[in-house]
Amino acid sequence: MLKFPGGVYAITPETADTAQLLSRVEAALAGGIAAVQYRDKSADVARRHEQASELAALCRQYGVPLIVNDDLRLADLCDADGVHLGRDDGSLREARIILGPKKFIGASCYQNLDLARAAQDAGADYVAFGSFFASPTKPAAPRASLDLLREAGPAIHVPLVAIGGITLANAPQLLDAGADCIAVLSALFDAADVRAAARDLNQLFETESEQ
């Protein structure tokens, strides 16, 4: 099984401005992020294919995996490095058959350790828990506790991704509780200087590894 990289996992903002999206993601890549997830819920199939394909090529230049959110067919078509599936987005085993052994498959497990165990058994390369804090993207999302990460540590043997309202200020407590990755959108792409924000968030992991 491939090892999903620990660190800052950037979730892209939804926008019709492809050039701006690529510019902001490149700034984040230059700041040292570990992975990118392309998330766009629009019905514009052509735009989504164009953006995902362009991002895949950009991320490849930096040696960083691009994961497509919720759309197995798009992940396959644009030769992304993997797919991230929610509870209702299809079978992890089907994704593995279609994408093959050299692509990443991630699973949303919300606040549920049993879902994470099942995802791990089905071949997920990482599991994601959240929302840990109030999120501008999904303000009504149910909350996950830090204890969930602590309980998942001994039970789950693939990387643990924390998501939901994560900022430079609150991320350290997630790392202390056992998160391997922090998935961020607003804290990164709403920043005036995306590269600097990425660098600051990335520094948390360098500090953690020194302790």
N, C-alpha and C. Protein backbone atom coordinates (compact mmCIF):
# COMPACT_ATOMS: atom_id res chain seq x y z
N MET A 1 0.84 -1.21 0.00
CA MET A 1 0.00 0.00 0.00
C MET A 1 0.88 1.26 0.00
N LEU A 2 0.48 2.26 -0.77
CA LEU A 2 1.18 3.53 -0.77
C LEU A 2 1.02 4.22 0.57
N LYS A 3 1.96 5.08 0.90
CA LYS A 3 1.87 5.84 2.15
C LYS A 3 1.45 7.27 1.83
N PHE A 4 0.24 7.64 2.28
CA PHE A 4 -0.24 9.00 2.06
C PHE A 4 0.60 9.96 2.90
N PRO A 5 1.03 11.07 2.31
CA PRO A 5 1.95 11.96 3.03
C PRO A 5 1.29 12.70 4.18
N GLY A 6 1.98 12.79 5.29
CA GLY A 6 1.51 13.61 6.40
C GLY A 6 1.82 15.07 6.12
N GLY A 7 1.06 15.95 6.74
CA GLY A 7 1.30 17.38 6.56
C GLY A 7 0.04 18.14 6.25
N VAL A 8 0.19 19.24 5.52
CA VAL A 8 -0.93 20.12 5.19
C VAL A 8 -1.61 19.60 3.92
N TYR A 9 -2.90 19.34 4.04
CA TYR A 9 -3.71 18.79 2.95
C TYR A 9 -4.65 19.90 2.50
N ALA A 10 -4.34 20.53 1.37
CA ALA A 10 -5.10 21.69 0.91
C ALA A 10 -6.36 21.27 0.16
N ILE A 11 -7.49 21.83 0.57
CA ILE A 11 -8.77 21.60 -0.10
C ILE A 11 -9.07 22.82 -0.96
N THR A 12 -9.27 22.63 -2.24
CA THR A 12 -9.41 23.79 -3.12
C THR A 12 -10.76 24.48 -2.94
N PRO A 13 -10.79 25.81 -3.09
CA PRO A 13 -12.05 26.54 -3.10
C PRO A 13 -12.75 26.36 -4.44
N GLU A 14 -14.06 26.45 -4.44
CA GLU A 14 -14.82 26.32 -5.68
C GLU A 14 -14.86 27.66 -6.40
N THR A 15 -14.40 27.68 -7.65
CA THR A 15 -14.39 28.92 -8.42
C THR A 15 -14.44 28.59 -9.91
N ALA A 16 -15.05 29.50 -10.67
CA ALA A 16 -15.08 29.36 -12.13
C ALA A 16 -13.81 29.93 -12.77
N ASP A 17 -13.01 30.63 -11.97
CA ASP A 17 -11.79 31.27 -12.47
C ASP A 17 -10.63 30.28 -12.38
N THR A 18 -10.43 29.53 -13.46
CA THR A 18 -9.42 28.47 -13.44
C THR A 18 -8.01 29.02 -13.27
N ALA A 19 -7.72 30.13 -13.93
CA ALA A 19 -6.39 30.71 -13.83
C ALA A 19 -6.09 31.13 -12.39
N GLN A 20 -7.08 31.74 -11.73
CA GLN A 20 -6.88 32.14 -10.33
C GLN A 20 -6.72 30.92 -9.43
N LEU A 21 -7.50 29.88 -9.68
CA LEU A 21 -7.40 28.65 -8.89
C LEU A 21 -5.99 28.07 -9.00
N LEU A 22 -5.48 27.97 -10.21
CA LEU A 22 -4.15 27.41 -10.42
C LEU A 22 -3.08 28.26 -9.76
N SER A 23 -3.24 29.58 -9.83
CA SER A 23 -2.27 30.49 -9.21
C SER A 23 -2.24 30.32 -7.69
N ARG A 24 -3.41 30.19 -7.09
CA ARG A 24 -3.49 30.06 -5.63
C ARG A 24 -2.96 28.70 -5.18
N VAL A 25 -3.29 27.66 -5.94
CA VAL A 25 -2.78 26.33 -5.58
C VAL A 25 -1.27 26.28 -5.75
N GLU A 26 -0.75 26.92 -6.79
CA GLU A 26 0.71 26.92 -6.96
C GLU A 26 1.40 27.66 -5.81
N ALA A 27 0.79 28.72 -5.34
CA ALA A 27 1.35 29.43 -4.18
C ALA A 27 1.38 28.51 -2.96
N ALA A 28 0.32 27.74 -2.76
CA ALA A 28 0.27 26.80 -1.65
C ALA A 28 1.33 25.71 -1.81
N LEU A 29 1.49 25.22 -3.04
CA LEU A 29 2.51 24.20 -3.30
C LEU A 29 3.91 24.76 -3.02
N ALA A 30 4.13 25.99 -3.41
CA ALA A 30 5.43 26.62 -3.16
C ALA A 30 5.68 26.79 -1.67
N GLY A 31 4.59 26.88 -0.89
CA GLY A 31 4.71 27.02 0.55
C GLY A 31 4.92 25.71 1.29
N GLY A 32 4.87 24.59 0.55
CA GLY A 32 5.25 23.32 1.16
C GLY A 32 4.13 22.39 1.55
N ILE A 33 2.93 22.57 0.99
CA ILE A 33 1.84 21.65 1.35
C ILE A 33 2.16 20.24 0.86
N ALA A 34 1.51 19.25 1.51
CA ALA A 34 1.83 17.85 1.24
C ALA A 34 0.91 17.21 0.21
N ALA A 35 -0.33 17.71 0.09
CA ALA A 35 -1.30 17.11 -0.82
C ALA A 35 -2.37 18.15 -1.14
N VAL A 36 -3.06 17.94 -2.27
CA VAL A 36 -4.14 18.82 -2.71
C VAL A 36 -5.37 17.97 -3.00
N GLN A 37 -6.52 18.46 -2.54
CA GLN A 37 -7.79 17.82 -2.90
C GLN A 37 -8.61 18.81 -3.72
N TYR A 38 -8.97 18.38 -4.94
CA TYR A 38 -9.82 19.20 -5.78
C TYR A 38 -11.28 18.92 -5.43
N ARG A 39 -11.97 19.96 -4.94
CA ARG A 39 -13.37 19.80 -4.55
C ARG A 39 -14.20 20.87 -5.26
N ASP A 40 -15.11 20.42 -6.09
CA ASP A 40 -15.99 21.32 -6.82
C ASP A 40 -17.32 20.59 -7.01
N LYS A 41 -18.37 21.10 -6.41
CA LYS A 41 -19.68 20.44 -6.43
C LYS A 41 -20.57 20.95 -7.56
N SER A 42 -20.02 21.81 -8.43
CA SER A 42 -20.85 22.39 -9.48
C SER A 42 -21.24 21.33 -10.51
N ALA A 43 -22.21 21.67 -11.32
CA ALA A 43 -22.68 20.76 -12.37
C ALA A 43 -21.95 20.99 -13.69
N ASP A 44 -20.96 21.88 -13.69
CA ASP A 44 -20.22 22.22 -14.90
C ASP A 44 -19.15 21.15 -15.14
N VAL A 45 -19.52 20.12 -15.88
CA VAL A 45 -18.64 18.97 -16.09
C VAL A 45 -17.37 19.37 -16.84
N ALA A 46 -17.51 20.22 -17.84
CA ALA A 46 -16.35 20.64 -18.63
C ALA A 46 -15.36 21.42 -17.77
N ARG A 47 -15.87 22.32 -16.94
CA ARG A 47 -14.99 23.09 -16.06
C ARG A 47 -14.27 22.19 -15.08
N ARG A 48 -15.00 21.27 -14.51
CA ARG A 48 -14.40 20.38 -13.52
C ARG A 48 -13.31 19.52 -14.14
N HIS A 49 -13.56 19.05 -15.36
CA HIS A 49 -12.55 18.23 -16.03
C HIS A 49 -11.31 19.07 -16.35
N GLU A 50 -11.53 20.29 -16.84
CA GLU A 50 -10.40 21.17 -17.15
C GLU A 50 -9.58 21.48 -15.90
N GLN A 51 -10.27 21.88 -14.83
CA GLN A 51 -9.55 22.25 -13.61
C GLN A 51 -8.81 21.07 -13.00
N ALA A 52 -9.46 19.92 -12.95
CA ALA A 52 -8.82 18.75 -12.36
C ALA A 52 -7.59 18.33 -13.17
N SER A 53 -7.70 18.38 -14.49
CA SER A 53 -6.58 18.00 -15.35
C SER A 53 -5.41 18.97 -15.19
N GLU A 54 -5.72 20.26 -15.15
CA GLU A 54 -4.67 21.27 -14.97
C GLU A 54 -4.01 21.14 -13.60
N LEU A 55 -4.81 20.90 -12.59
CA LEU A 55 -4.25 20.74 -11.25
C LEU A 55 -3.39 19.49 -11.14
N ALA A 56 -3.82 18.42 -11.80
CA ALA A 56 -3.02 17.19 -11.77
C ALA A 56 -1.64 17.44 -12.36
N ALA A 57 -1.60 18.17 -13.47
CA ALA A 57 -0.31 18.48 -14.10
C ALA A 57 0.53 19.39 -13.21
N LEU A 58 -0.10 20.38 -12.59
CA LEU A 58 0.62 21.30 -11.72
C LEU A 58 1.19 20.57 -10.50
N CYS A 59 0.37 19.77 -9.87
CA CYS A 59 0.82 19.05 -8.67
C CYS A 59 1.95 18.09 -9.01
N ARG A 60 1.90 17.51 -10.20
CA ARG A 60 2.95 16.59 -10.62
C ARG A 60 4.30 17.31 -10.70
N GLN A 61 4.28 18.57 -11.11
CA GLN A 61 5.52 19.34 -11.17
C GLN A 61 6.17 19.48 -9.79
N TYR A 62 5.33 19.51 -8.76
CA TYR A 62 5.84 19.68 -7.39
C TYR A 62 5.98 18.35 -6.65
N GLY A 63 5.63 17.26 -7.32
CA GLY A 63 5.73 15.96 -6.66
C GLY A 63 4.74 15.78 -5.52
N VAL A 64 3.57 16.41 -5.67
CA VAL A 64 2.54 16.40 -4.63
C VAL A 64 1.29 15.73 -5.20
N PRO A 65 0.66 14.81 -4.47
CA PRO A 65 -0.52 14.13 -5.01
C PRO A 65 -1.75 15.03 -5.11
N LEU A 66 -2.49 14.87 -6.20
CA LEU A 66 -3.80 15.51 -6.35
C LEU A 66 -4.87 14.45 -6.16
N ILE A 67 -5.76 14.71 -5.23
CA ILE A 67 -6.89 13.83 -4.94
C ILE A 67 -8.17 14.53 -5.40
N VAL A 68 -9.04 13.80 -6.07
CA VAL A 68 -10.33 14.36 -6.50
C VAL A 68 -11.41 13.97 -5.50
N ASN A 69 -12.18 14.94 -5.08
CA ASN A 69 -13.23 14.72 -4.09
C ASN A 69 -14.49 14.15 -4.74
N ASP A 70 -14.94 13.01 -4.24
CA ASP A 70 -16.28 12.47 -4.53
C ASP A 70 -16.57 12.04 -5.96
N ASP A 71 -15.59 12.06 -6.85
CA ASP A 71 -15.90 11.78 -8.25
C ASP A 71 -14.86 10.80 -8.81
N LEU A 72 -15.17 9.54 -8.70
CA LEU A 72 -14.24 8.49 -9.14
C LEU A 72 -13.96 8.58 -10.63
N ARG A 73 -15.00 8.84 -11.42
CA ARG A 73 -14.82 8.91 -12.88
C ARG A 73 -13.88 10.05 -13.25
N LEU A 74 -14.05 11.21 -12.61
CA LEU A 74 -13.19 12.35 -12.90
C LEU A 74 -11.75 12.05 -12.48
N ALA A 75 -11.58 11.43 -11.33
CA ALA A 75 -10.23 11.08 -10.87
C ALA A 75 -9.54 10.19 -11.89
N ASP A 76 -10.29 9.27 -12.45
CA ASP A 76 -9.73 8.35 -13.44
C ASP A 76 -9.44 9.08 -14.75
N LEU A 77 -10.38 9.91 -15.20
CA LEU A 77 -10.23 10.59 -16.49
C LEU A 77 -9.04 11.55 -16.51
N CYS A 78 -8.82 12.26 -15.40
CA CYS A 78 -7.76 13.28 -15.39
C CYS A 78 -6.44 12.73 -14.86
N ASP A 79 -6.40 11.42 -14.63
CA ASP A 79 -5.19 10.76 -14.12
C ASP A 79 -4.71 11.42 -12.82
N ALA A 80 -5.66 11.69 -11.93
CA ALA A 80 -5.30 12.21 -10.61
C ALA A 80 -4.60 11.11 -9.82
N ASP A 81 -4.06 11.49 -8.69
CA ASP A 81 -3.33 10.53 -7.85
C ASP A 81 -4.24 9.77 -6.91
N GLY A 82 -5.54 10.09 -6.95
CA GLY A 82 -6.46 9.35 -6.10
C GLY A 82 -7.81 10.02 -6.01
N VAL A 83 -8.65 9.44 -5.16
CA VAL A 83 -10.01 9.93 -4.97
C VAL A 83 -10.33 9.91 -3.49
N HIS A 84 -11.17 10.86 -3.08
CA HIS A 84 -11.66 10.90 -1.69
C HIS A 84 -13.16 10.68 -1.73
N LEU A 85 -13.64 9.69 -0.99
CA LEU A 85 -15.05 9.32 -1.04
C LEU A 85 -15.73 9.52 0.31
N GLY A 86 -16.92 10.10 0.26
CA GLY A 86 -17.76 10.21 1.44
C GLY A 86 -18.60 8.95 1.59
N ARG A 87 -19.42 8.94 2.62
CA ARG A 87 -20.22 7.75 2.95
C ARG A 87 -21.13 7.33 1.80
N ASP A 88 -21.62 8.30 1.01
CA ASP A 88 -22.58 7.99 -0.05
C ASP A 88 -22.00 8.15 -1.45
N ASP A 89 -20.69 8.12 -1.55
CA ASP A 89 -20.04 8.41 -2.84
C ASP A 89 -19.53 7.18 -3.57
N GLY A 90 -19.91 6.01 -3.11
CA GLY A 90 -19.49 4.81 -3.83
C GLY A 90 -18.57 3.93 -3.00
N SER A 91 -18.25 2.80 -3.57
CA SER A 91 -17.51 1.75 -2.88
C SER A 91 -16.00 1.99 -2.96
N LEU A 92 -15.33 1.84 -1.80
CA LEU A 92 -13.88 1.94 -1.79
C LEU A 92 -13.25 0.81 -2.61
N ARG A 93 -13.86 -0.35 -2.53
CA ARG A 93 -13.32 -1.50 -3.29
C ARG A 93 -13.45 -1.27 -4.79
N GLU A 94 -14.58 -0.69 -5.20
CA GLU A 94 -14.76 -0.37 -6.63
C GLU A 94 -13.71 0.66 -7.07
N ALA A 95 -13.47 1.65 -6.21
CA ALA A 95 -12.47 2.67 -6.53
C ALA A 95 -11.10 2.04 -6.71
N ARG A 96 -10.78 1.08 -5.87
CA ARG A 96 -9.48 0.41 -5.98
C ARG A 96 -9.38 -0.37 -7.29
N ILE A 97 -10.45 -1.03 -7.66
CA ILE A 97 -10.45 -1.79 -8.92
C ILE A 97 -10.23 -0.85 -10.11
N ILE A 98 -10.91 0.30 -10.09
CA ILE A 98 -10.83 1.22 -11.22
C ILE A 98 -9.50 1.97 -11.25
N LEU A 99 -9.03 2.44 -10.10
CA LEU A 99 -7.82 3.27 -10.07
C LEU A 99 -6.54 2.44 -10.00
N GLY A 100 -6.65 1.22 -9.47
CA GLY A 100 -5.47 0.38 -9.38
C GLY A 100 -4.71 0.58 -8.07
N PRO A 101 -3.63 -0.18 -7.89
CA PRO A 101 -2.93 -0.20 -6.60
C PRO A 101 -2.03 1.00 -6.34
N LYS A 102 -1.78 1.81 -7.35
CA LYS A 102 -0.81 2.90 -7.19
C LYS A 102 -1.46 4.26 -7.01
N LYS A 103 -2.75 4.28 -6.72
CA LYS A 103 -3.46 5.54 -6.47
C LYS A 103 -3.99 5.55 -5.03
N PHE A 104 -4.13 6.75 -4.49
CA PHE A 104 -4.63 6.90 -3.12
C PHE A 104 -6.15 6.90 -3.08
N ILE A 105 -6.69 6.25 -2.07
CA ILE A 105 -8.13 6.29 -1.82
C ILE A 105 -8.35 6.71 -0.38
N GLY A 106 -9.04 7.83 -0.21
CA GLY A 106 -9.34 8.34 1.13
C GLY A 106 -10.82 8.22 1.42
N ALA A 107 -11.15 8.18 2.71
CA ALA A 107 -12.55 8.00 3.11
C ALA A 107 -12.92 8.98 4.22
N SER A 108 -14.07 9.63 4.05
CA SER A 108 -14.62 10.46 5.12
C SER A 108 -15.27 9.54 6.16
N CYS A 109 -14.87 9.70 7.41
CA CYS A 109 -15.41 8.86 8.48
C CYS A 109 -16.11 9.69 9.55
N TYR A 110 -16.23 10.98 9.31
CA TYR A 110 -17.04 11.88 10.13
C TYR A 110 -16.63 11.81 11.60
N GLN A 111 -17.52 11.34 12.47
CA GLN A 111 -17.20 11.23 13.90
C GLN A 111 -17.23 9.77 14.33
N ASN A 112 -16.96 8.85 13.41
CA ASN A 112 -17.26 7.44 13.63
C ASN A 112 -16.03 6.56 13.45
N LEU A 113 -15.54 6.01 14.54
CA LEU A 113 -14.37 5.13 14.48
C LEU A 113 -14.68 3.83 13.75
N ASP A 114 -15.92 3.34 13.87
CA ASP A 114 -16.29 2.10 13.17
C ASP A 114 -16.23 2.28 11.66
N LEU A 115 -16.63 3.46 11.17
CA LEU A 115 -16.51 3.74 9.74
C LEU A 115 -15.04 3.70 9.32
N ALA A 116 -14.18 4.23 10.17
CA ALA A 116 -12.75 4.23 9.86
C ALA A 116 -12.19 2.82 9.82
N ARG A 117 -12.62 1.98 10.75
CA ARG A 117 -12.17 0.58 10.74
C ARG A 117 -12.62 -0.12 9.44
N ALA A 118 -13.88 0.13 9.06
CA ALA A 118 -14.41 -0.49 7.84
C ALA A 118 -13.67 0.02 6.61
N ALA A 119 -13.37 1.32 6.58
CA ALA A 119 -12.65 1.90 5.45
C ALA A 119 -11.24 1.31 5.36
N GLN A 120 -10.61 1.18 6.51
CA GLN A 120 -9.27 0.59 6.53
C GLN A 120 -9.31 -0.85 5.99
N ASP A 121 -10.30 -1.61 6.44
CA ASP A 121 -10.45 -3.00 5.98
C ASP A 121 -10.72 -3.07 4.48
N ALA A 122 -11.39 -2.03 3.94
CA ALA A 122 -11.73 -2.01 2.52
C ALA A 122 -10.58 -1.48 1.65
N GLY A 123 -9.48 -1.10 2.30
CA GLY A 123 -8.30 -0.70 1.54
C GLY A 123 -8.04 0.79 1.44
N ALA A 124 -8.69 1.60 2.29
CA ALA A 124 -8.43 3.04 2.26
C ALA A 124 -6.97 3.33 2.63
N ASP A 125 -6.40 4.34 1.97
CA ASP A 125 -5.02 4.75 2.26
C ASP A 125 -4.95 5.79 3.35
N TYR A 126 -6.07 6.44 3.64
CA TYR A 126 -6.16 7.34 4.78
C TYR A 126 -7.63 7.49 5.14
N VAL A 127 -7.89 7.92 6.38
CA VAL A 127 -9.25 8.18 6.82
C VAL A 127 -9.32 9.60 7.36
N ALA A 128 -10.45 10.25 7.15
CA ALA A 128 -10.63 11.64 7.58
C ALA A 128 -11.75 11.75 8.60
N PHE A 129 -11.47 12.47 9.68
CA PHE A 129 -12.46 12.74 10.71
C PHE A 129 -12.74 14.24 10.78
N GLY A 130 -13.96 14.61 11.17
CA GLY A 130 -14.31 16.01 11.34
C GLY A 130 -15.84 16.14 11.45
N SER A 131 -16.29 17.33 11.67
CA SER A 131 -15.56 18.58 11.71
C SER A 131 -15.12 18.87 13.15
N PHE A 132 -13.85 19.24 13.31
CA PHE A 132 -13.33 19.45 14.66
C PHE A 132 -13.66 20.83 15.21
N PHE A 133 -13.81 21.80 14.34
CA PHE A 133 -14.13 23.17 14.77
C PHE A 133 -15.18 23.75 13.83
N ALA A 134 -15.71 24.90 14.18
CA ALA A 134 -16.69 25.56 13.32
C ALA A 134 -16.04 25.89 11.99
N SER A 135 -16.66 25.46 10.92
CA SER A 135 -16.07 25.62 9.59
C SER A 135 -16.86 26.61 8.76
N PRO A 136 -16.20 27.59 8.14
CA PRO A 136 -16.91 28.50 7.24
C PRO A 136 -17.52 27.77 6.04
N THR A 137 -16.90 26.65 5.65
CA THR A 137 -17.38 25.90 4.49
C THR A 137 -18.63 25.10 4.82
N LYS A 138 -18.62 24.45 6.01
CA LYS A 138 -19.76 23.63 6.43
C LYS A 138 -20.09 23.97 7.89
N PRO A 139 -20.72 25.14 8.12
CA PRO A 139 -20.94 25.61 9.49
C PRO A 139 -21.84 24.70 10.32
N ALA A 140 -22.72 23.94 9.67
CA ALA A 140 -23.66 23.10 10.43
C ALA A 140 -23.14 21.68 10.63
N ALA A 141 -21.92 21.40 10.19
CA ALA A 141 -21.40 20.03 10.29
C ALA A 141 -21.26 19.59 11.75
N PRO A 142 -21.69 18.37 12.08
CA PRO A 142 -21.51 17.86 13.44
C PRO A 142 -20.03 17.83 13.81
N ARG A 143 -19.76 17.95 15.11
CA ARG A 143 -18.38 18.05 15.57
C ARG A 143 -17.81 16.70 15.96
N ALA A 144 -16.53 16.55 15.67
CA ALA A 144 -15.75 15.41 16.15
C ALA A 144 -14.92 15.88 17.34
N SER A 145 -14.58 14.96 18.22
CA SER A 145 -13.82 15.32 19.43
C SER A 145 -12.36 14.93 19.27
N LEU A 146 -11.52 15.57 20.05
CA LEU A 146 -10.10 15.20 20.07
C LEU A 146 -9.92 13.77 20.56
N ASP A 147 -10.82 13.33 21.42
CA ASP A 147 -10.73 11.95 21.93
C ASP A 147 -10.86 10.94 20.79
N LEU A 148 -11.60 11.29 19.75
CA LEU A 148 -11.74 10.39 18.61
C LEU A 148 -10.38 10.11 17.98
N LEU A 149 -9.58 11.15 17.82
CA LEU A 149 -8.23 10.97 17.26
C LEU A 149 -7.39 10.10 18.19
N ARG A 150 -7.51 10.33 19.48
CA ARG A 150 -6.72 9.54 20.44
C ARG A 150 -7.12 8.07 20.41
N GLU A 151 -8.41 7.81 20.25
CA GLU A 151 -8.88 6.43 20.17
C GLU A 151 -8.50 5.79 18.84
N ALA A 152 -8.47 6.60 17.78
CA ALA A 152 -8.16 6.06 16.45
C ALA A 152 -6.70 5.65 16.33
N GLY A 153 -5.83 6.33 17.05
CA GLY A 153 -4.39 6.07 16.94
C GLY A 153 -4.02 4.60 17.03
N PRO A 154 -4.42 3.89 18.10
CA PRO A 154 -4.06 2.48 18.21
C PRO A 154 -4.84 1.55 17.28
N ALA A 155 -6.03 2.01 16.83
CA ALA A 155 -6.92 1.13 16.08
C ALA A 155 -6.74 1.23 14.57
N ILE A 156 -6.28 2.38 14.11
CA ILE A 156 -6.19 2.64 12.67
C ILE A 156 -4.72 2.77 12.28
N HIS A 157 -4.34 2.06 11.25
CA HIS A 157 -2.92 2.01 10.88
C HIS A 157 -2.62 2.72 9.56
N VAL A 158 -3.56 3.53 9.10
CA VAL A 158 -3.32 4.41 7.96
C VAL A 158 -3.38 5.84 8.49
N PRO A 159 -2.85 6.82 7.75
CA PRO A 159 -2.84 8.20 8.24
C PRO A 159 -4.22 8.73 8.60
N LEU A 160 -4.25 9.54 9.66
CA LEU A 160 -5.47 10.17 10.14
C LEU A 160 -5.49 11.63 9.69
N VAL A 161 -6.53 12.01 8.96
CA VAL A 161 -6.70 13.37 8.48
C VAL A 161 -7.77 14.06 9.32
N ALA A 162 -7.45 15.23 9.84
CA ALA A 162 -8.43 16.04 10.57
C ALA A 162 -8.90 17.17 9.67
N ILE A 163 -10.21 17.45 9.71
CA ILE A 163 -10.78 18.49 8.84
C ILE A 163 -11.85 19.27 9.60
N GLY A 164 -12.06 20.50 9.17
CA GLY A 164 -13.17 21.29 9.71
C GLY A 164 -12.74 22.45 10.58
N GLY A 165 -12.69 23.65 10.00
CA GLY A 165 -12.42 24.86 10.77
C GLY A 165 -11.01 24.95 11.33
N ILE A 166 -10.08 24.28 10.70
CA ILE A 166 -8.71 24.23 11.24
C ILE A 166 -7.95 25.50 10.88
N THR A 167 -7.27 26.05 11.87
CA THR A 167 -6.48 27.27 11.69
C THR A 167 -5.09 27.04 12.27
N LEU A 168 -4.23 28.01 12.04
CA LEU A 168 -2.87 27.95 12.59
C LEU A 168 -2.92 27.88 14.12
N ALA A 169 -3.93 28.52 14.71
CA ALA A 169 -4.02 28.57 16.18
C ALA A 169 -4.52 27.27 16.78
N ASN A 170 -5.48 26.59 16.14
CA ASN A 170 -6.06 25.40 16.76
C ASN A 170 -5.47 24.08 16.24
N ALA A 171 -4.68 24.13 15.18
CA ALA A 171 -4.12 22.90 14.61
C ALA A 171 -3.21 22.13 15.57
N PRO A 172 -2.40 22.80 16.41
CA PRO A 172 -1.49 22.04 17.27
C PRO A 172 -2.20 21.02 18.16
N GLN A 173 -3.39 21.33 18.63
CA GLN A 173 -4.07 20.36 19.50
C GLN A 173 -4.50 19.11 18.73
N LEU A 174 -4.74 19.26 17.43
CA LEU A 174 -5.06 18.10 16.61
C LEU A 174 -3.83 17.22 16.40
N LEU A 175 -2.70 17.85 16.18
CA LEU A 175 -1.45 17.10 16.02
C LEU A 175 -1.09 16.39 17.32
N ASP A 176 -1.29 17.07 18.44
CA ASP A 176 -1.02 16.46 19.74
C ASP A 176 -1.91 15.25 19.99
N ALA A 177 -3.14 15.29 19.44
CA ALA A 177 -4.08 14.18 19.64
C ALA A 177 -3.85 13.04 18.66
N GLY A 178 -2.97 13.25 17.67
CA GLY A 178 -2.62 12.14 16.79
C GLY A 178 -2.90 12.32 15.31
N ALA A 179 -3.38 13.50 14.89
CA ALA A 179 -3.63 13.71 13.47
C ALA A 179 -2.30 13.70 12.69
N ASP A 180 -2.31 13.03 11.55
CA ASP A 180 -1.14 13.01 10.68
C ASP A 180 -1.20 14.12 9.63
N CYS A 181 -2.42 14.53 9.29
CA CYS A 181 -2.65 15.57 8.28
C CYS A 181 -3.72 16.52 8.79
N ILE A 182 -3.61 17.78 8.38
CA ILE A 182 -4.69 18.73 8.63
C ILE A 182 -5.20 19.21 7.27
N ALA A 183 -6.49 19.01 7.03
CA ALA A 183 -7.12 19.44 5.78
C ALA A 183 -7.66 20.84 5.97
N VAL A 184 -7.17 21.78 5.15
CA VAL A 184 -7.54 23.18 5.32
C VAL A 184 -7.99 23.79 4.01
N LEU A 185 -8.94 24.69 4.11
CA LEU A 185 -9.40 25.46 2.96
C LEU A 185 -9.30 26.95 3.29
N SER A 186 -10.15 27.41 4.19
CA SER A 186 -10.22 28.85 4.49
C SER A 186 -8.92 29.39 5.06
N ALA A 187 -8.30 28.64 5.98
CA ALA A 187 -7.07 29.11 6.62
C ALA A 187 -5.94 29.28 5.62
N LEU A 188 -6.08 28.63 4.49
CA LEU A 188 -5.04 28.71 3.47
C LEU A 188 -5.44 29.65 2.34
N PHE A 189 -6.58 29.37 1.71
CA PHE A 189 -6.92 30.09 0.49
C PHE A 189 -7.63 31.43 0.73
N ASP A 190 -8.05 31.69 1.96
CA ASP A 190 -8.59 33.01 2.28
C ASP A 190 -7.50 33.96 2.78
N ALA A 191 -6.29 33.46 2.92
CA ALA A 191 -5.19 34.28 3.42
C ALA A 191 -4.75 35.28 2.35
N ALA A 192 -4.28 36.43 2.81
CA ALA A 192 -3.79 37.45 1.87
C ALA A 192 -2.56 36.95 1.13
N ASP A 193 -1.75 36.15 1.80
CA ASP A 193 -0.54 35.57 1.21
C ASP A 193 -0.62 34.06 1.36
N VAL A 194 -1.09 33.37 0.31
CA VAL A 194 -1.32 31.93 0.39
C VAL A 194 -0.02 31.17 0.65
N ARG A 195 1.04 31.58 -0.01
CA ARG A 195 2.32 30.88 0.18
C ARG A 195 2.80 30.99 1.63
N ALA A 196 2.68 32.17 2.20
CA ALA A 196 3.10 32.36 3.60
C ALA A 196 2.22 31.55 4.54
N ALA A 197 0.91 31.51 4.27
CA ALA A 197 0.00 30.73 5.12
C ALA A 197 0.36 29.25 5.06
N ALA A 198 0.67 28.77 3.86
CA ALA A 198 1.07 27.36 3.71
C ALA A 198 2.36 27.09 4.47
N ARG A 199 3.29 28.00 4.36
CA ARG A 199 4.58 27.85 5.05
C ARG A 199 4.39 27.81 6.57
N ASP A 200 3.53 28.69 7.08
CA ASP A 200 3.27 28.74 8.52
C ASP A 200 2.61 27.44 9.00
N LEU A 201 1.63 26.95 8.24
CA LEU A 201 0.96 25.70 8.61
C LEU A 201 1.94 24.52 8.53
N ASN A 202 2.76 24.51 7.49
CA ASN A 202 3.73 23.44 7.32
C ASN A 202 4.73 23.42 8.47
N GLN A 203 5.04 24.60 8.99
CA GLN A 203 6.00 24.71 10.09
C GLN A 203 5.52 23.94 11.32
N LEU A 204 4.22 23.80 11.50
CA LEU A 204 3.68 23.06 12.63
C LEU A 204 4.17 21.61 12.62
N PHE A 205 4.27 21.03 11.43
CA PHE A 205 4.70 19.64 11.31
C PHE A 205 6.20 19.51 11.52
N GLU A 206 6.94 20.52 11.09
CA GLU A 206 8.39 20.49 11.33
C GLU A 206 8.67 20.61 12.82
N THR A 207 7.91 21.46 13.51
CA THR A 207 8.06 21.61 14.95
C THR A 207 7.70 20.31 15.66
N GLU A 208 6.60 19.67 15.18
CA GLU A 208 6.14 18.42 15.80
C GLU A 208 7.22 17.33 15.67
N SER A 209 7.86 17.27 14.50
CA SER A 209 8.85 16.21 14.28
C SER A 209 10.12 16.43 15.10
N GLU A 210 10.34 17.66 15.54
CA GLU A 210 11.53 17.97 16.34
C GLU A 210 11.32 17.67 17.82
N GLN A 211 10.05 17.47 18.22
CA GLN A 211 9.77 17.27 19.64
C GLN A 211 9.98 15.81 20.04
